[in-house]
Amino acid sequence: MHLYYHPYSSNARRAAMVADHLGIPLDMVEINLASPDDRRRLAEVNPNSKIPVLLDDGFTLTESCAIMQYLADSKPGQTLYPHDPLARADVNRWLFWSVQHFSPAIGVIVWQNVWKKMVEGTDTDPVELARGTRELKRFAAVLDAHLAHREWLCGDALTLADFAVAAPLMYIERARVPVAQYANVLAWFTRVQQLPAWRNTEPVW
């Protein structure tokens, strides 16, 4: 399998963590998003021009959570993605929650505090930063309440949901993501950071 990725992409890291945890070897194809040639290569496999992209023996799959599910289903005996319909639905709920609510809020903050100056040469927009912060606080409160009496997001064990929701928090320090008041989120995130899959996919900043 080949995975088109960038080390600073939290979406790509979701897939990389699942593969690492399950012991699935991937040929990692780094895409330099600042390179026109690399962007052309990316568009050839994903017309959305987004990473990650998984290539598996002629099959092309986009969207990070779909790739996570595919990797898990390809590994016999795995426990990251439960087979029971109700348990699987619970995991799916958090996968969709992450990409629809939590990640976009963090993404606004990361763009404003990290990438905007580098990419556009312009300063942080305080209005946009405030918007991202409001959205983050709204959803971080939901996550914090859910984790009040849990070690992991779903059931009593690590699942795809934990990797999906934790991935954008890789920017917690660099982008000054304001989650210090959410003790349950921070305790859970510390557990995720202690996993080999997290440590093995940590980018070099």
C-alpha atoms as a PDB file:
ATOM      1  CA  MET A   1       0.000   0.000   0.000  1.00  0.00           C
ATOM      2  CA  HIS A   2       1.110   3.566  -0.748  1.00  0.00           C
ATOM      3  CA  LEU A   3       0.015   6.535   1.337  1.00  0.00           C
ATOM      4  CA  TYR A   4       0.280  10.042  -0.058  1.00  0.00           C
ATOM      5  CA  TYR A   5       0.876  12.245   2.963  1.00  0.00           C
ATOM      6  CA  HIS A   6       2.594  15.250   4.470  1.00  0.00           C
ATOM      7  CA  PRO A   7       4.133  14.968   7.955  1.00  0.00           C
ATOM      8  CA  TYR A   8       2.367  18.136   9.133  1.00  0.00           C
ATOM      9  CA  SER A   9      -1.063  16.946   8.013  1.00  0.00           C
ATOM     10  CA  SER A  10      -3.196  15.788  10.922  1.00  0.00           C
ATOM     11  CA  ASN A  11      -5.530  14.089   8.453  1.00  0.00           C
ATOM     12  CA  ALA A  12      -2.685  12.014   7.050  1.00  0.00           C
ATOM     13  CA  ARG A  13      -1.487  11.277  10.551  1.00  0.00           C
ATOM     14  CA  ARG A  14      -4.801   9.598  11.336  1.00  0.00           C
ATOM     15  CA  ALA A  15      -4.131   6.998   8.674  1.00  0.00           C
ATOM     16  CA  ALA A  16      -0.465   6.652   9.589  1.00  0.00           C
ATOM     17  CA  MET A  17      -1.283   6.016  13.249  1.00  0.00           C
ATOM     18  CA  VAL A  18      -3.789   3.300  12.408  1.00  0.00           C
ATOM     19  CA  ALA A  19      -1.328   1.572  10.098  1.00  0.00           C
ATOM     20  CA  ASP A  20       1.414   1.776  12.714  1.00  0.00           C
ATOM     21  CA  HIS A  21      -0.826   0.447  15.481  1.00  0.00           C
ATOM     22  CA  LEU A  22      -1.999  -2.468  13.341  1.00  0.00           C
ATOM     23  CA  GLY A  23       1.454  -3.249  11.964  1.00  0.00           C
ATOM     24  CA  ILE A  24       0.427  -2.583   8.368  1.00  0.00           C
ATOM     25  CA  PRO A  25       3.428  -1.539   6.264  1.00  0.00           C
ATOM     26  CA  LEU A  26       2.885   1.520   4.093  1.00  0.00           C
ATOM     27  CA  ASP A  27       5.060   3.033   1.400  1.00  0.00           C
ATOM     28  CA  MET A  28       4.902   6.669   2.513  1.00  0.00           C
ATOM     29  CA  VAL A  29       4.869   9.071  -0.433  1.00  0.00           C
ATOM     30  CA  GLU A  30       5.502  12.572   0.846  1.00  0.00           C
ATOM     31  CA  ILE A  31       3.732  15.345  -1.054  1.00  0.00           C
ATOM     32  CA  ASN A  32       5.243  18.810  -0.903  1.00  0.00           C
ATOM     33  CA  LEU A  33       2.157  20.987  -1.087  1.00  0.00           C
ATOM     34  CA  ALA A  34       4.293  23.969  -2.128  1.00  0.00           C
ATOM     35  CA  SER A  35       5.537  22.115  -5.202  1.00  0.00           C
ATOM     36  CA  PRO A  36       3.514  22.435  -8.433  1.00  0.00           C
ATOM     37  CA  ASP A  37       4.841  19.058  -9.577  1.00  0.00           C
ATOM     38  CA  ASP A  38       3.780  17.355  -6.361  1.00  0.00           C
ATOM     39  CA  ARG A  39       0.376  19.020  -6.488  1.00  0.00           C
ATOM     40  CA  ARG A  40      -0.043  17.709 -10.034  1.00  0.00           C
ATOM     41  CA  ARG A  41       0.859  14.187  -8.843  1.00  0.00           C
ATOM     42  CA  LEU A  42      -1.643  14.517  -6.021  1.00  0.00           C
ATOM     43  CA  ALA A  43      -4.427  15.698  -8.354  1.00  0.00           C
ATOM     44  CA  GLU A  44      -3.834  12.653 -10.538  1.00  0.00           C
ATOM     45  CA  VAL A  45      -4.901  10.343  -7.690  1.00  0.00           C
ATOM     46  CA  ASN A  46      -7.337  12.668  -5.917  1.00  0.00           C
ATOM     47  CA  PRO A  47      -9.251  15.298  -7.908  1.00  0.00           C
ATOM     48  CA  ASN A  48      -9.925  17.063  -4.588  1.00  0.00           C
ATOM     49  CA  SER A  49      -6.155  17.652  -4.331  1.00  0.00           C
ATOM     50  CA  LYS A  50      -6.197  16.677  -0.664  1.00  0.00           C
ATOM     51  CA  ILE A  51      -4.149  14.297   1.429  1.00  0.00           C
ATOM     52  CA  PRO A  52      -4.101  11.546   2.508  1.00  0.00           C
ATOM     53  CA  VAL A  53      -4.639   9.203  -0.409  1.00  0.00           C
ATOM     54  CA  LEU A  54      -4.253   5.426  -0.123  1.00  0.00           C
ATOM     55  CA  LEU A  55      -3.326   3.321  -3.132  1.00  0.00           C
ATOM     56  CA  ASP A  56      -3.775  -0.419  -2.761  1.00  0.00           C
ATOM     57  CA  ASP A  57      -3.215  -2.641  -5.776  1.00  0.00           C
ATOM     58  CA  GLY A  58      -5.172  -0.491  -8.205  1.00  0.00           C
ATOM     59  CA  PHE A  59      -7.699   0.728  -5.644  1.00  0.00           C
ATOM     60  CA  THR A  60      -7.555   4.429  -4.742  1.00  0.00           C
ATOM     61  CA  LEU A  61      -9.148   5.662  -1.536  1.00  0.00           C
ATOM     62  CA  THR A  62      -9.418   9.231  -0.273  1.00  0.00           C
ATOM     63  CA  GLU A  63     -10.742  10.797   2.960  1.00  0.00           C
ATOM     64  CA  SER A  64      -8.815  10.102   6.134  1.00  0.00           C
ATOM     65  CA  CYS A  65     -11.532   8.341   8.122  1.00  0.00           C
ATOM     66  CA  ALA A  66     -12.467   6.115   5.185  1.00  0.00           C
ATOM     67  CA  ILE A  67      -8.800   5.120   4.945  1.00  0.00           C
ATOM     68  CA  MET A  68      -8.735   4.387   8.674  1.00  0.00           C
ATOM     69  CA  GLN A  69     -11.765   2.120   8.336  1.00  0.00           C
ATOM     70  CA  TYR A  70     -10.310   0.353   5.302  1.00  0.00           C
ATOM     71  CA  LEU A  71      -6.987  -0.299   7.026  1.00  0.00           C
ATOM     72  CA  ALA A  72      -8.737  -1.714  10.084  1.00  0.00           C
ATOM     73  CA  ASP A  73     -11.013  -3.939   8.028  1.00  0.00           C
ATOM     74  CA  SER A  74      -7.992  -5.289   6.152  1.00  0.00           C
ATOM     75  CA  LYS A  75      -6.380  -6.561   9.365  1.00  0.00           C
ATOM     76  CA  PRO A  76      -7.805  -9.819  10.758  1.00  0.00           C
ATOM     77  CA  GLY A  77      -8.297  -9.835  14.497  1.00  0.00           C
ATOM     78  CA  GLN A  78      -8.062  -6.067  14.925  1.00  0.00           C
ATOM     79  CA  THR A  79      -9.976  -4.370  17.730  1.00  0.00           C
ATOM     80  CA  LEU A  80      -9.719  -0.705  16.699  1.00  0.00           C
ATOM     81  CA  TYR A  81     -12.902  -0.898  14.637  1.00  0.00           C
ATOM     82  CA  PRO A  82     -15.498  -3.100  16.375  1.00  0.00           C
ATOM     83  CA  HIS A  83     -17.548  -5.562  14.356  1.00  0.00           C
ATOM     84  CA  ASP A  84     -20.640  -5.261  16.534  1.00  0.00           C
ATOM     85  CA  PRO A  85     -23.035  -2.894  14.694  1.00  0.00           C
ATOM     86  CA  LEU A  86     -23.821  -0.723  17.716  1.00  0.00           C
ATOM     87  CA  ALA A  87     -20.199  -0.424  18.793  1.00  0.00           C
ATOM     88  CA  ARG A  88     -19.154   0.346  15.222  1.00  0.00           C
ATOM     89  CA  ALA A  89     -21.870   2.985  14.910  1.00  0.00           C
ATOM     90  CA  ASP A  90     -20.548   4.649  18.058  1.00  0.00           C
ATOM     91  CA  VAL A  91     -17.036   4.787  16.575  1.00  0.00           C
ATOM     92  CA  ASN A  92     -18.424   6.131  13.300  1.00  0.00           C
ATOM     93  CA  ARG A  93     -20.280   8.842  15.190  1.00  0.00           C
ATOM     94  CA  TRP A  94     -16.998  10.179  16.600  1.00  0.00           C
ATOM     95  CA  LEU A  95     -15.185   9.879  13.287  1.00  0.00           C
ATOM     96  CA  PHE A  96     -17.819  12.063  11.646  1.00  0.00           C
ATOM     97  CA  TRP A  97     -17.926  14.413  14.645  1.00  0.00           C
ATOM     98  CA  SER A  98     -14.203  14.919  14.356  1.00  0.00           C
ATOM     99  CA  VAL A  99     -14.170  15.803  10.671  1.00  0.00           C
ATOM    100  CA  GLN A 100     -17.357  17.876  10.814  1.00  0.00           C
ATOM    101  CA  HIS A 101     -16.900  19.828  14.048  1.00  0.00           C
ATOM    102  CA  PHE A 102     -13.704  19.395  16.080  1.00  0.00           C
ATOM    103  CA  SER A 103     -11.058  19.379  13.351  1.00  0.00           C
ATOM    104  CA  PRO A 104     -12.443  22.376  11.417  1.00  0.00           C
ATOM    105  CA  ALA A 105     -12.465  24.489  14.582  1.00  0.00           C
ATOM    106  CA  ILE A 106      -8.868  23.588  15.356  1.00  0.00           C
ATOM    107  CA  GLY A 107      -8.006  24.108  11.700  1.00  0.00           C
ATOM    108  CA  VAL A 108      -9.034  27.780  11.864  1.00  0.00           C
ATOM    109  CA  ILE A 109      -6.744  28.325  14.846  1.00  0.00           C
ATOM    110  CA  VAL A 110      -3.845  26.444  13.252  1.00  0.00           C
ATOM    111  CA  TRP A 111      -4.186  28.413  10.027  1.00  0.00           C
ATOM    112  CA  GLN A 112      -4.282  31.742  11.826  1.00  0.00           C
ATOM    113  CA  ASN A 113      -1.508  31.028  14.359  1.00  0.00           C
ATOM    114  CA  VAL A 114       0.862  28.883  12.283  1.00  0.00           C
ATOM    115  CA  TRP A 115       0.396  28.775   8.541  1.00  0.00           C
ATOM    116  CA  LYS A 116      -1.138  32.067   7.451  1.00  0.00           C
ATOM    117  CA  LYS A 117       2.033  34.112   7.892  1.00  0.00           C
ATOM    118  CA  MET A 118       4.148  31.458   6.192  1.00  0.00           C
ATOM    119  CA  VAL A 119       1.834  30.854   3.248  1.00  0.00           C
ATOM    120  CA  GLU A 120       0.277  34.258   2.633  1.00  0.00           C
ATOM    121  CA  GLY A 121       2.695  36.566   4.401  1.00  0.00           C
ATOM    122  CA  THR A 122      -0.212  38.189   6.248  1.00  0.00           C
ATOM    123  CA  ASP A 123      -0.895  38.568   9.953  1.00  0.00           C
ATOM    124  CA  THR A 124      -3.420  36.727  12.071  1.00  0.00           C
ATOM    125  CA  ASP A 125      -6.998  37.871  11.581  1.00  0.00           C
ATOM    126  CA  PRO A 126      -8.364  38.381  15.114  1.00  0.00           C
ATOM    127  CA  VAL A 127     -11.957  38.013  13.938  1.00  0.00           C
ATOM    128  CA  GLU A 128     -11.268  34.635  12.360  1.00  0.00           C
ATOM    129  CA  LEU A 129      -9.193  33.513  15.327  1.00  0.00           C
ATOM    130  CA  ALA A 130     -12.037  34.429  17.663  1.00  0.00           C
ATOM    131  CA  ARG A 131     -14.482  32.497  15.491  1.00  0.00           C
ATOM    132  CA  GLY A 132     -12.303  29.390  15.554  1.00  0.00           C
ATOM    133  CA  THR A 133     -11.845  29.709  19.299  1.00  0.00           C
ATOM    134  CA  ARG A 134     -15.602  29.953  19.889  1.00  0.00           C
ATOM    135  CA  GLU A 135     -16.219  26.868  17.787  1.00  0.00           C
ATOM    136  CA  LEU A 136     -13.447  24.950  19.495  1.00  0.00           C
ATOM    137  CA  LYS A 137     -14.731  25.776  22.973  1.00  0.00           C
ATOM    138  CA  ARG A 138     -18.219  24.701  21.971  1.00  0.00           C
ATOM    139  CA  PHE A 139     -17.085  21.260  20.857  1.00  0.00           C
ATOM    140  CA  ALA A 140     -14.263  20.799  23.371  1.00  0.00           C
ATOM    141  CA  ALA A 141     -16.873  21.143  26.104  1.00  0.00           C
ATOM    142  CA  VAL A 142     -18.839  18.305  24.522  1.00  0.00           C
ATOM    143  CA  LEU A 143     -15.724  16.135  24.352  1.00  0.00           C
ATOM    144  CA  ASP A 144     -14.727  16.991  27.912  1.00  0.00           C
ATOM    145  CA  ALA A 145     -18.131  16.018  29.286  1.00  0.00           C
ATOM    146  CA  HIS A 146     -18.085  12.760  27.334  1.00  0.00           C
ATOM    147  CA  LEU A 147     -14.665  11.856  28.759  1.00  0.00           C
ATOM    148  CA  ALA A 148     -15.575  12.648  32.360  1.00  0.00           C
ATOM    149  CA  HIS A 149     -15.711   8.974  33.375  1.00  0.00           C
ATOM    150  CA  ARG A 150     -13.953   7.329  30.422  1.00  0.00           C
ATOM    151  CA  GLU A 151     -10.403   6.461  29.447  1.00  0.00           C
ATOM    152  CA  TRP A 152     -11.237   6.191  25.743  1.00  0.00           C
ATOM    153  CA  LEU A 153     -13.938   7.650  23.540  1.00  0.00           C
ATOM    154  CA  CYS A 154     -15.866   4.460  22.778  1.00  0.00           C
ATOM    155  CA  GLY A 155     -16.385   1.511  25.076  1.00  0.00           C
ATOM    156  CA  ASP A 156     -13.475   0.661  27.328  1.00  0.00           C
ATOM    157  CA  ALA A 157     -10.676   0.361  24.755  1.00  0.00           C
ATOM    158  CA  LEU A 158      -8.772   2.331  22.162  1.00  0.00           C
ATOM    159  CA  THR A 159     -10.569   2.654  18.819  1.00  0.00           C
ATOM    160  CA  LEU A 160     -10.300   4.540  15.541  1.00  0.00           C
ATOM    161  CA  ALA A 161     -12.285   7.312  17.212  1.00  0.00           C
ATOM    162  CA  ASP A 162      -9.422   8.163  19.553  1.00  0.00           C
ATOM    163  CA  PHE A 163      -6.927   8.490  16.711  1.00  0.00           C
ATOM    164  CA  ALA A 164      -9.330  10.562  14.627  1.00  0.00           C
ATOM    165  CA  VAL A 165     -10.214  13.053  17.334  1.00  0.00           C
ATOM    166  CA  ALA A 166      -6.679  13.310  18.752  1.00  0.00           C
ATOM    167  CA  ALA A 167      -4.882  13.894  15.456  1.00  0.00           C
ATOM    168  CA  PRO A 168      -5.542  17.655  15.075  1.00  0.00           C
ATOM    169  CA  LEU A 169      -4.364  18.172  18.656  1.00  0.00           C
ATOM    170  CA  MET A 170      -0.843  17.570  17.365  1.00  0.00           C
ATOM    171  CA  TYR A 171      -0.872  21.382  17.046  1.00  0.00           C
ATOM    172  CA  ILE A 172      -1.910  22.003  20.649  1.00  0.00           C
ATOM    173  CA  GLU A 173       1.354  23.753  21.575  1.00  0.00           C
ATOM    174  CA  ARG A 174       2.553  25.112  18.232  1.00  0.00           C
ATOM    175  CA  ALA A 175      -0.798  26.745  17.425  1.00  0.00           C
ATOM    176  CA  ARG A 176      -1.647  27.590  21.036  1.00  0.00           C
ATOM    177  CA  VAL A 177      -4.904  25.660  20.858  1.00  0.00           C
ATOM    178  CA  PRO A 178      -6.898  26.870  23.887  1.00  0.00           C
ATOM    179  CA  VAL A 179      -7.908  23.653  25.643  1.00  0.00           C
ATOM    180  CA  ALA A 180      -6.159  24.091  29.001  1.00  0.00           C
ATOM    181  CA  GLN A 181      -9.482  24.323  30.857  1.00  0.00           C
ATOM    182  CA  TYR A 182     -10.663  20.908  29.695  1.00  0.00           C
ATOM    183  CA  ALA A 183      -9.053  18.551  32.188  1.00  0.00           C
ATOM    184  CA  ASN A 184     -10.727  15.395  30.890  1.00  0.00           C
ATOM    185  CA  VAL A 185      -9.665  16.132  27.322  1.00  0.00           C
ATOM    186  CA  LEU A 186      -6.073  16.745  28.411  1.00  0.00           C
ATOM    187  CA  ALA A 187      -5.944  13.546  30.483  1.00  0.00           C
ATOM    188  CA  TRP A 188      -7.264  11.527  27.541  1.00  0.00           C
ATOM    189  CA  PHE A 189      -4.889  13.242  25.120  1.00  0.00           C
ATOM    190  CA  THR A 190      -1.970  12.382  27.399  1.00  0.00           C
ATOM    191  CA  ARG A 191      -2.974   8.713  27.161  1.00  0.00           C
ATOM    192  CA  VAL A 192      -3.042   8.968  23.360  1.00  0.00           C
ATOM    193  CA  GLN A 193       0.381  10.621  23.314  1.00  0.00           C
ATOM    194  CA  GLN A 194       1.814   7.689  25.237  1.00  0.00           C
ATOM    195  CA  LEU A 195       0.801   5.227  22.527  1.00  0.00           C
ATOM    196  CA  PRO A 196       3.608   3.937  20.270  1.00  0.00           C
ATOM    197  CA  ALA A 197       1.526   4.853  17.212  1.00  0.00           C
ATOM    198  CA  TRP A 198       1.485   8.498  18.303  1.00  0.00           C
ATOM    199  CA  ARG A 199       5.190   8.601  19.093  1.00  0.00           C
ATOM    200  CA  ASN A 200       6.134   6.792  15.883  1.00  0.00           C
ATOM    201  CA  THR A 201       4.254   9.300  13.698  1.00  0.00           C
ATOM    202  CA  GLU A 202       5.445  12.466  15.451  1.00  0.00           C
ATOM    203  CA  PRO A 203       6.740  14.911  12.812  1.00  0.00           C
ATOM    204  CA  VAL A 204      10.045  16.721  13.079  1.00  0.00           C
ATOM    205  CA  TRP A 205       9.111  20.388  13.386  1.00  0.00           C
END
